[in-house]
Amino acid sequence: MCAQASITFVDTDRVLPIIPYPPAIPVLAVLFGIVLVACGVLMLRARTARFGAVAFAAAFLVGALVFDLPRAGAHPENIPLRTLLFEPLTMAALAWMLPAADRRNDWSMTLARYCIALSLTVFGVDHFLALGPIGAIVPNWIPFHVFWVVFFGAAFIAAGAGFAANMLRGWAAAGMALMFALFDVTLHVPRTLGAYGIPGAIRDPDEWCGVFIVAAFCGGFLALTNVQKEELASTP
C-alpha cells in the first residue's frame, strides 16, 4: 500500500481530468498518497490495524464514488473504466471486512461481501468479453493464452458466487489470493522489470501500480482467508 501511494507522489503530472468533476488537481494525488501511506503504517501495528483498515476502506470508497463512478457511468461499455471503478471498491470492501470480522451478522459486512461478489463477477465477465486483448498480455512462454483467460474468468465468477452465497468463502478467498499471486509472479513483476521486452516498463508508474494493486489484492484475500479460519474455529 505504501509503495502504491509513493506512485501518486511521482506521477502527479499525469493526473487525468475526471468527468464530470472535479478538475485535475495534482495536489489531490499527493494528499491521497499521504492518506495511503498513513493507512499502511497504521495497518502494520496490531493496536492500530483496525483504524488503519477502516480509514483505508473509507478513502477508497470515497475515491471510487467521486472519481471513478462518474467516468464508468458515462461509458458503461468501457472495460478499463469499469475495472478502475471495481478495483478500489473491492479493496475498500476487503479492508472493511478484516477489522469488522467480529461483526459477522452486521449489515455492513453483508454489503461488503456482496460488493466483493459483484466485483469478482464483473472481472470474470470482462475476461470473456476481452478474450483477445487479455490473451495478448499473457507471456509468450505460457501456452494456450485464450484457455487461461477463460479459466481465470471462470475462477473469478466462481469466487464471486461463493461470496454472494456466503458458501465456501474461505476457499474462494484462498483461490483469489493464489490467483493474484500467480498474476504478479508470472506477469506483472517480470513485465515491469523488463523481462518481456516492454519498452520503458521499469520507468512506467502504471506498470508499478499494476504490480502493487495485484499484490494488495493478494494480501487482502489472504488475510480474509485467515479471518475465515478464525471464524470457523470459534464456531461451536
C-alpha atoms as a PDB file:
ATOM      1  CA  MET A   1       0.000   0.000   0.000  1.00  0.00           C
ATOM      2  CA  CYS A   2       2.782   2.432   0.918  1.00  0.00           C
ATOM      3  CA  ALA A   3       4.585   1.571  -2.321  1.00  0.00           C
ATOM      4  CA  GLN A   4       1.434   2.199  -4.318  1.00  0.00           C
ATOM      5  CA  ALA A   5       0.988   5.509  -2.513  1.00  0.00           C
ATOM      6  CA  SER A   6       4.504   6.591  -3.470  1.00  0.00           C
ATOM      7  CA  ILE A   7       3.491   6.386  -7.126  1.00  0.00           C
ATOM      8  CA  THR A   8       0.970   9.167  -6.571  1.00  0.00           C
ATOM      9  CA  PHE A   9       3.820  11.434  -5.467  1.00  0.00           C
ATOM     10  CA  VAL A  10       5.956  10.900  -8.578  1.00  0.00           C
ATOM     11  CA  ASP A  11       3.079  10.744 -11.078  1.00  0.00           C
ATOM     12  CA  THR A  12       1.102  13.860 -10.205  1.00  0.00           C
ATOM     13  CA  ASP A  13       1.801  15.434 -13.601  1.00  0.00           C
ATOM     14  CA  ARG A  14      -0.270  12.705 -15.237  1.00  0.00           C
ATOM     15  CA  VAL A  15      -3.415  13.238 -13.182  1.00  0.00           C
ATOM     16  CA  LEU A  16      -6.301  12.877 -15.622  1.00  0.00           C
ATOM     17  CA  PRO A  17      -9.330  15.146 -15.735  1.00  0.00           C
ATOM     18  CA  ILE A  18     -12.298  13.431 -14.107  1.00  0.00           C
ATOM     19  CA  ILE A  19     -15.617  13.698 -15.914  1.00  0.00           C
ATOM     20  CA  PRO A  20     -17.797  15.448 -14.872  1.00  0.00           C
ATOM     21  CA  TYR A  21     -15.940  16.548 -11.742  1.00  0.00           C
ATOM     22  CA  PRO A  22     -13.623  17.525 -10.097  1.00  0.00           C
ATOM     23  CA  PRO A  23     -10.948  19.201 -12.256  1.00  0.00           C
ATOM     24  CA  ALA A  24      -7.471  17.686 -12.466  1.00  0.00           C
ATOM     25  CA  ILE A  25      -5.654  18.886  -9.335  1.00  0.00           C
ATOM     26  CA  PRO A  26      -2.256  17.215  -8.777  1.00  0.00           C
ATOM     27  CA  VAL A  27      -2.273  18.141  -5.084  1.00  0.00           C
ATOM     28  CA  LEU A  28      -5.207  15.760  -4.613  1.00  0.00           C
ATOM     29  CA  ALA A  29      -2.961  12.908  -5.722  1.00  0.00           C
ATOM     30  CA  VAL A  30      -0.362  13.963  -3.151  1.00  0.00           C
ATOM     31  CA  LEU A  31      -2.948  14.182  -0.375  1.00  0.00           C
ATOM     32  CA  PHE A  32      -4.378  10.789  -1.282  1.00  0.00           C
ATOM     33  CA  GLY A  33      -0.865   9.349  -1.304  1.00  0.00           C
ATOM     34  CA  ILE A  34      -0.271  10.707   2.198  1.00  0.00           C
ATOM     35  CA  VAL A  35      -3.502   9.087   3.376  1.00  0.00           C
ATOM     36  CA  LEU A  36      -2.479   5.743   1.875  1.00  0.00           C
ATOM     37  CA  VAL A  37       0.957   5.870   3.492  1.00  0.00           C
ATOM     38  CA  ALA A  38      -0.628   6.660   6.862  1.00  0.00           C
ATOM     39  CA  CYS A  39      -3.108   3.797   6.482  1.00  0.00           C
ATOM     40  CA  GLY A  40      -0.338   1.397   5.505  1.00  0.00           C
ATOM     41  CA  VAL A  41       1.750   2.333   8.543  1.00  0.00           C
ATOM     42  CA  LEU A  42      -1.245   2.006  10.867  1.00  0.00           C
ATOM     43  CA  MET A  43      -2.117  -1.430   9.482  1.00  0.00           C
ATOM     44  CA  LEU A  44       1.388  -2.704  10.251  1.00  0.00           C
ATOM     45  CA  ARG A  45       0.753  -2.437  14.005  1.00  0.00           C
ATOM     46  CA  ALA A  46      -1.756  -4.691  15.726  1.00  0.00           C
ATOM     47  CA  ARG A  47      -3.018  -1.922  18.008  1.00  0.00           C
ATOM     48  CA  THR A  48      -3.798   0.456  15.145  1.00  0.00           C
ATOM     49  CA  ALA A  49      -4.588  -2.042  12.368  1.00  0.00           C
ATOM     50  CA  ARG A  50      -8.354  -1.737  12.792  1.00  0.00           C
ATOM     51  CA  PHE A  51      -8.306   2.057  12.488  1.00  0.00           C
ATOM     52  CA  GLY A  52      -5.939   1.907   9.521  1.00  0.00           C
ATOM     53  CA  ALA A  53      -8.116  -0.612   7.687  1.00  0.00           C
ATOM     54  CA  VAL A  54     -11.309   1.366   8.299  1.00  0.00           C
ATOM     55  CA  ALA A  55      -9.639   4.597   7.163  1.00  0.00           C
ATOM     56  CA  PHE A  56      -8.309   2.836   4.064  1.00  0.00           C
ATOM     57  CA  ALA A  57     -11.765   1.458   3.265  1.00  0.00           C
ATOM     58  CA  ALA A  58     -13.343   4.894   3.650  1.00  0.00           C
ATOM     59  CA  ALA A  59     -10.691   6.579   1.486  1.00  0.00           C
ATOM     60  CA  PHE A  60     -11.021   4.071  -1.342  1.00  0.00           C
ATOM     61  CA  LEU A  61     -14.816   4.067  -1.188  1.00  0.00           C
ATOM     62  CA  VAL A  62     -14.972   7.854  -1.442  1.00  0.00           C
ATOM     63  CA  GLY A  63     -12.353   7.840  -4.199  1.00  0.00           C
ATOM     64  CA  ALA A  64     -14.262   5.234  -6.197  1.00  0.00           C
ATOM     65  CA  LEU A  65     -17.590   7.038  -5.878  1.00  0.00           C
ATOM     66  CA  VAL A  66     -16.241  10.537  -6.557  1.00  0.00           C
ATOM     67  CA  PHE A  67     -13.555   9.895  -9.173  1.00  0.00           C
ATOM     68  CA  ASP A  68     -14.288   6.564 -10.865  1.00  0.00           C
ATOM     69  CA  LEU A  69     -18.069   6.142 -10.808  1.00  0.00           C
ATOM     70  CA  PRO A  70     -18.811   9.249 -12.935  1.00  0.00           C
ATOM     71  CA  ARG A  71     -16.436   8.115 -15.687  1.00  0.00           C
ATOM     72  CA  ALA A  72     -17.575   4.490 -15.639  1.00  0.00           C
ATOM     73  CA  GLY A  73     -21.206   5.579 -15.536  1.00  0.00           C
ATOM     74  CA  ALA A  74     -20.717   7.827 -18.552  1.00  0.00           C
ATOM     75  CA  HIS A  75     -19.151   4.962 -20.536  1.00  0.00           C
ATOM     76  CA  PRO A  76     -20.586   1.698 -19.148  1.00  0.00           C
ATOM     77  CA  GLU A  77     -19.300  -0.282 -22.133  1.00  0.00           C
ATOM     78  CA  ASN A  78     -15.668   0.669 -21.415  1.00  0.00           C
ATOM     79  CA  ILE A  79     -13.933  -2.285 -19.739  1.00  0.00           C
ATOM     80  CA  PRO A  80     -10.843  -0.359 -18.487  1.00  0.00           C
ATOM     81  CA  LEU A  81     -13.022   2.314 -16.863  1.00  0.00           C
ATOM     82  CA  ARG A  82     -15.204  -0.382 -15.342  1.00  0.00           C
ATOM     83  CA  THR A  83     -12.104  -2.049 -13.931  1.00  0.00           C
ATOM     84  CA  LEU A  84     -10.895   1.254 -12.488  1.00  0.00           C
ATOM     85  CA  LEU A  85     -14.201   1.502 -10.618  1.00  0.00           C
ATOM     86  CA  PHE A  86     -14.430  -2.011  -9.233  1.00  0.00           C
ATOM     87  CA  GLU A  87     -10.772  -2.309  -8.193  1.00  0.00           C
ATOM     88  CA  PRO A  88     -10.987   0.335  -5.435  1.00  0.00           C
ATOM     89  CA  LEU A  89     -14.458  -0.861  -4.452  1.00  0.00           C
ATOM     90  CA  THR A  90     -13.064  -4.356  -3.939  1.00  0.00           C
ATOM     91  CA  MET A  91     -10.110  -3.035  -1.938  1.00  0.00           C
ATOM     92  CA  ALA A  92     -12.449  -0.967   0.227  1.00  0.00           C
ATOM     93  CA  ALA A  93     -14.683  -3.972   0.877  1.00  0.00           C
ATOM     94  CA  LEU A  94     -11.724  -6.221   1.714  1.00  0.00           C
ATOM     95  CA  ALA A  95     -10.285  -3.639   4.097  1.00  0.00           C
ATOM     96  CA  TRP A  96     -13.660  -3.200   5.780  1.00  0.00           C
ATOM     97  CA  MET A  97     -14.259  -6.922   6.273  1.00  0.00           C
ATOM     98  CA  LEU A  98     -10.948  -7.512   8.060  1.00  0.00           C
ATOM     99  CA  PRO A  99     -11.427  -5.343  11.177  1.00  0.00           C
ATOM    100  CA  ALA A 100     -15.187  -5.975  11.175  1.00  0.00           C
ATOM    101  CA  ALA A 101     -14.773  -9.748  11.235  1.00  0.00           C
ATOM    102  CA  ASP A 102     -16.120  -9.877  14.781  1.00  0.00           C
ATOM    103  CA  ARG A 103     -19.428  -8.484  13.485  1.00  0.00           C
ATOM    104  CA  ARG A 104     -20.290 -11.271  11.072  1.00  0.00           C
ATOM    105  CA  ASN A 105     -24.015 -10.500  11.011  1.00  0.00           C
ATOM    106  CA  ASP A 106     -23.605  -6.751  10.676  1.00  0.00           C
ATOM    107  CA  TRP A 107     -25.309  -5.227   7.625  1.00  0.00           C
ATOM    108  CA  SER A 108     -22.091  -3.507   6.571  1.00  0.00           C
ATOM    109  CA  MET A 109     -20.305  -6.866   6.461  1.00  0.00           C
ATOM    110  CA  THR A 110     -23.034  -8.236   4.224  1.00  0.00           C
ATOM    111  CA  LEU A 111     -22.810  -5.185   1.968  1.00  0.00           C
ATOM    112  CA  ALA A 112     -19.017  -5.522   1.725  1.00  0.00           C
ATOM    113  CA  ARG A 113     -19.345  -9.211   0.903  1.00  0.00           C
ATOM    114  CA  TYR A 114     -21.831  -8.501  -1.886  1.00  0.00           C
ATOM    115  CA  CYS A 115     -19.560  -5.749  -3.194  1.00  0.00           C
ATOM    116  CA  ILE A 116     -16.703  -8.243  -3.472  1.00  0.00           C
ATOM    117  CA  ALA A 117     -19.030 -10.762  -5.114  1.00  0.00           C
ATOM    118  CA  LEU A 118     -20.208  -8.225  -7.702  1.00  0.00           C
ATOM    119  CA  SER A 119     -16.679  -7.022  -8.436  1.00  0.00           C
ATOM    120  CA  LEU A 120     -15.287 -10.519  -8.929  1.00  0.00           C
ATOM    121  CA  THR A 121     -18.198 -11.382 -11.206  1.00  0.00           C
ATOM    122  CA  VAL A 122     -17.586  -8.246 -13.283  1.00  0.00           C
ATOM    123  CA  PHE A 123     -13.878  -9.076 -13.541  1.00  0.00           C
ATOM    124  CA  GLY A 124     -14.774 -12.584 -14.696  1.00  0.00           C
ATOM    125  CA  VAL A 125     -17.332 -11.483 -17.282  1.00  0.00           C
ATOM    126  CA  ASP A 126     -14.887  -8.903 -18.632  1.00  0.00           C
ATOM    127  CA  HIS A 127     -12.356 -11.695 -19.195  1.00  0.00           C
ATOM    128  CA  PHE A 128     -14.844 -13.344 -21.552  1.00  0.00           C
ATOM    129  CA  LEU A 129     -15.679 -10.046 -23.245  1.00  0.00           C
ATOM    130  CA  ALA A 130     -11.998  -9.291 -23.908  1.00  0.00           C
ATOM    131  CA  LEU A 131     -10.507 -12.691 -24.724  1.00  0.00           C
ATOM    132  CA  GLY A 132      -8.201 -11.276 -27.389  1.00  0.00           C
ATOM    133  CA  PRO A 133      -6.840  -8.187 -25.603  1.00  0.00           C
ATOM    134  CA  ILE A 134      -6.295 -10.011 -22.309  1.00  0.00           C
ATOM    135  CA  GLY A 135      -4.818 -13.036 -24.066  1.00  0.00           C
ATOM    136  CA  ALA A 136      -2.338 -10.741 -25.802  1.00  0.00           C
ATOM    137  CA  ILE A 137      -0.702  -9.762 -22.495  1.00  0.00           C
ATOM    138  CA  VAL A 138      -0.163 -13.369 -21.399  1.00  0.00           C
ATOM    139  CA  PRO A 139       3.604 -14.087 -21.609  1.00  0.00           C
ATOM    140  CA  ASN A 140       4.719 -15.957 -24.727  1.00  0.00           C
ATOM    141  CA  TRP A 141       6.289 -18.773 -22.692  1.00  0.00           C
ATOM    142  CA  ILE A 142       2.831 -19.719 -21.382  1.00  0.00           C
ATOM    143  CA  PRO A 143       0.886 -21.767 -23.964  1.00  0.00           C
ATOM    144  CA  PHE A 144      -2.842 -21.659 -24.699  1.00  0.00           C
ATOM    145  CA  HIS A 145      -3.420 -17.974 -23.969  1.00  0.00           C
ATOM    146  CA  VAL A 146      -7.169 -17.975 -24.580  1.00  0.00           C
ATOM    147  CA  PHE A 147      -7.619 -21.054 -22.388  1.00  0.00           C
ATOM    148  CA  TRP A 148      -6.058 -19.294 -19.406  1.00  0.00           C
ATOM    149  CA  VAL A 149      -8.154 -16.179 -19.942  1.00  0.00           C
ATOM    150  CA  VAL A 150     -11.282 -18.354 -19.923  1.00  0.00           C
ATOM    151  CA  PHE A 151     -10.030 -20.353 -16.926  1.00  0.00           C
ATOM    152  CA  PHE A 152      -9.316 -17.320 -14.776  1.00  0.00           C
ATOM    153  CA  GLY A 153     -12.511 -15.618 -15.912  1.00  0.00           C
ATOM    154  CA  ALA A 154     -14.463 -18.650 -14.730  1.00  0.00           C
ATOM    155  CA  ALA A 155     -12.470 -18.635 -11.473  1.00  0.00           C
ATOM    156  CA  PHE A 156     -13.443 -15.011 -10.861  1.00  0.00           C
ATOM    157  CA  ILE A 157     -17.119 -15.806 -11.420  1.00  0.00           C
ATOM    158  CA  ALA A 158     -16.991 -18.919  -9.222  1.00  0.00           C
ATOM    159  CA  ALA A 159     -15.357 -16.970  -6.392  1.00  0.00           C
ATOM    160  CA  GLY A 160     -17.940 -14.225  -6.791  1.00  0.00           C
ATOM    161  CA  ALA A 161     -20.709 -16.806  -6.466  1.00  0.00           C
ATOM    162  CA  GLY A 162     -19.070 -18.138  -3.304  1.00  0.00           C
ATOM    163  CA  PHE A 163     -19.010 -14.688  -1.723  1.00  0.00           C
ATOM    164  CA  ALA A 164     -22.575 -13.919  -2.845  1.00  0.00           C
ATOM    165  CA  ALA A 165     -23.942 -17.163  -1.393  1.00  0.00           C
ATOM    166  CA  ASN A 166     -21.624 -16.963   1.634  1.00  0.00           C
ATOM    167  CA  MET A 167     -20.604 -20.551   0.934  1.00  0.00           C
ATOM    168  CA  LEU A 168     -17.014 -21.819   0.748  1.00  0.00           C
ATOM    169  CA  ARG A 169     -15.965 -18.209   1.243  1.00  0.00           C
ATOM    170  CA  GLY A 170     -12.640 -19.221   2.760  1.00  0.00           C
ATOM    171  CA  TRP A 171     -11.821 -21.373  -0.255  1.00  0.00           C
ATOM    172  CA  ALA A 172     -12.902 -18.573  -2.602  1.00  0.00           C
ATOM    173  CA  ALA A 173     -10.647 -16.096  -0.799  1.00  0.00           C
ATOM    174  CA  ALA A 174      -7.730 -18.554  -0.821  1.00  0.00           C
ATOM    175  CA  GLY A 175      -8.216 -19.179  -4.525  1.00  0.00           C
ATOM    176  CA  MET A 176      -8.237 -15.465  -5.273  1.00  0.00           C
ATOM    177  CA  ALA A 177      -5.087 -14.928  -3.183  1.00  0.00           C
ATOM    178  CA  LEU A 178      -3.301 -17.686  -5.104  1.00  0.00           C
ATOM    179  CA  MET A 179      -4.525 -16.392  -8.446  1.00  0.00           C
ATOM    180  CA  PHE A 180      -3.377 -12.822  -7.812  1.00  0.00           C
ATOM    181  CA  ALA A 181      -0.021 -14.107  -6.560  1.00  0.00           C
ATOM    182  CA  LEU A 182       0.385 -16.006  -9.839  1.00  0.00           C
ATOM    183  CA  PHE A 183      -0.541 -12.873 -11.781  1.00  0.00           C
ATOM    184  CA  ASP A 184       2.264 -10.933 -10.110  1.00  0.00           C
ATOM    185  CA  VAL A 185       4.886 -13.688 -10.302  1.00  0.00           C
ATOM    186  CA  THR A 186       4.279 -14.665 -13.925  1.00  0.00           C
ATOM    187  CA  LEU A 187       3.084 -11.397 -15.468  1.00  0.00           C
ATOM    188  CA  HIS A 188       3.276  -8.075 -13.656  1.00  0.00           C
ATOM    189  CA  VAL A 189       6.645  -8.266 -11.890  1.00  0.00           C
ATOM    190  CA  PRO A 190       8.638  -9.693 -14.863  1.00  0.00           C
ATOM    191  CA  ARG A 191       6.847  -7.324 -17.240  1.00  0.00           C
ATOM    192  CA  THR A 192       7.643  -4.288 -15.081  1.00  0.00           C
ATOM    193  CA  LEU A 193      11.287  -5.308 -14.651  1.00  0.00           C
ATOM    194  CA  GLY A 194      11.692  -5.525 -18.431  1.00  0.00           C
ATOM    195  CA  ALA A 195      11.805  -9.302 -18.809  1.00  0.00           C
ATOM    196  CA  TYR A 196       9.133  -9.253 -21.514  1.00  0.00           C
ATOM    197  CA  GLY A 197      10.680  -6.516 -23.631  1.00  0.00           C
ATOM    198  CA  ILE A 198       8.152  -3.773 -22.888  1.00  0.00           C
ATOM    199  CA  PRO A 199       9.983  -0.501 -23.723  1.00  0.00           C
ATOM    200  CA  GLY A 200      10.348   1.735 -20.683  1.00  0.00           C
ATOM    201  CA  ALA A 201       8.304  -0.563 -18.455  1.00  0.00           C
ATOM    202  CA  ILE A 202      10.616  -0.241 -15.472  1.00  0.00           C
ATOM    203  CA  ARG A 203      10.134   3.552 -15.505  1.00  0.00           C
ATOM    204  CA  ASP A 204       6.386   3.432 -16.110  1.00  0.00           C
ATOM    205  CA  PRO A 205       4.336   4.279 -12.978  1.00  0.00           C
ATOM    206  CA  ASP A 206       1.341   2.446 -14.463  1.00  0.00           C
ATOM    207  CA  GLU A 207       3.312  -0.804 -14.609  1.00  0.00           C
ATOM    208  CA  TRP A 208       4.454  -0.453 -10.994  1.00  0.00           C
ATOM    209  CA  CYS A 209       0.943   0.461  -9.948  1.00  0.00           C
ATOM    210  CA  GLY A 210      -0.289  -2.773 -11.528  1.00  0.00           C
ATOM    211  CA  VAL A 211       2.262  -4.752  -9.515  1.00  0.00           C
ATOM    212  CA  PHE A 212       1.174  -3.232  -6.215  1.00  0.00           C
ATOM    213  CA  ILE A 213      -2.557  -3.373  -6.936  1.00  0.00           C
ATOM    214  CA  VAL A 214      -2.308  -7.101  -7.617  1.00  0.00           C
ATOM    215  CA  ALA A 215      -0.144  -7.543  -4.506  1.00  0.00           C
ATOM    216  CA  ALA A 216      -2.751  -5.673  -2.445  1.00  0.00           C
ATOM    217  CA  PHE A 217      -5.498  -7.952  -3.738  1.00  0.00           C
ATOM    218  CA  CYS A 218      -3.386 -10.999  -2.917  1.00  0.00           C
ATOM    219  CA  GLY A 219      -2.726  -9.772   0.619  1.00  0.00           C
ATOM    220  CA  GLY A 220      -6.329  -8.762   1.202  1.00  0.00           C
ATOM    221  CA  PHE A 221      -7.777 -12.098   0.155  1.00  0.00           C
ATOM    222  CA  LEU A 222      -5.060 -13.982   2.047  1.00  0.00           C
ATOM    223  CA  ALA A 223      -5.890 -12.046   5.219  1.00  0.00           C
ATOM    224  CA  LEU A 224      -9.579 -12.745   4.650  1.00  0.00           C
ATOM    225  CA  THR A 225      -8.748 -16.446   4.406  1.00  0.00           C
ATOM    226  CA  ASN A 226      -7.172 -16.291   7.862  1.00  0.00           C
ATOM    227  CA  VAL A 227     -10.223 -14.453   9.214  1.00  0.00           C
ATOM    228  CA  GLN A 228     -12.466 -17.176   7.820  1.00  0.00           C
ATOM    229  CA  LYS A 229     -10.355 -19.828   9.562  1.00  0.00           C
ATOM    230  CA  GLU A 230     -10.700 -17.975  12.868  1.00  0.00           C
ATOM    231  CA  GLU A 231     -14.469 -17.743  12.387  1.00  0.00           C
ATOM    232  CA  LEU A 232     -14.724 -21.492  11.801  1.00  0.00           C
ATOM    233  CA  ALA A 233     -12.523 -22.223  14.810  1.00  0.00           C
ATOM    234  CA  SER A 234     -14.724 -20.073  17.066  1.00  0.00           C
ATOM    235  CA  THR A 235     -17.958 -21.651  15.846  1.00  0.00           C
ATOM    236  CA  PRO A 236     -19.364 -24.085  18.451  1.00  0.00           C
END
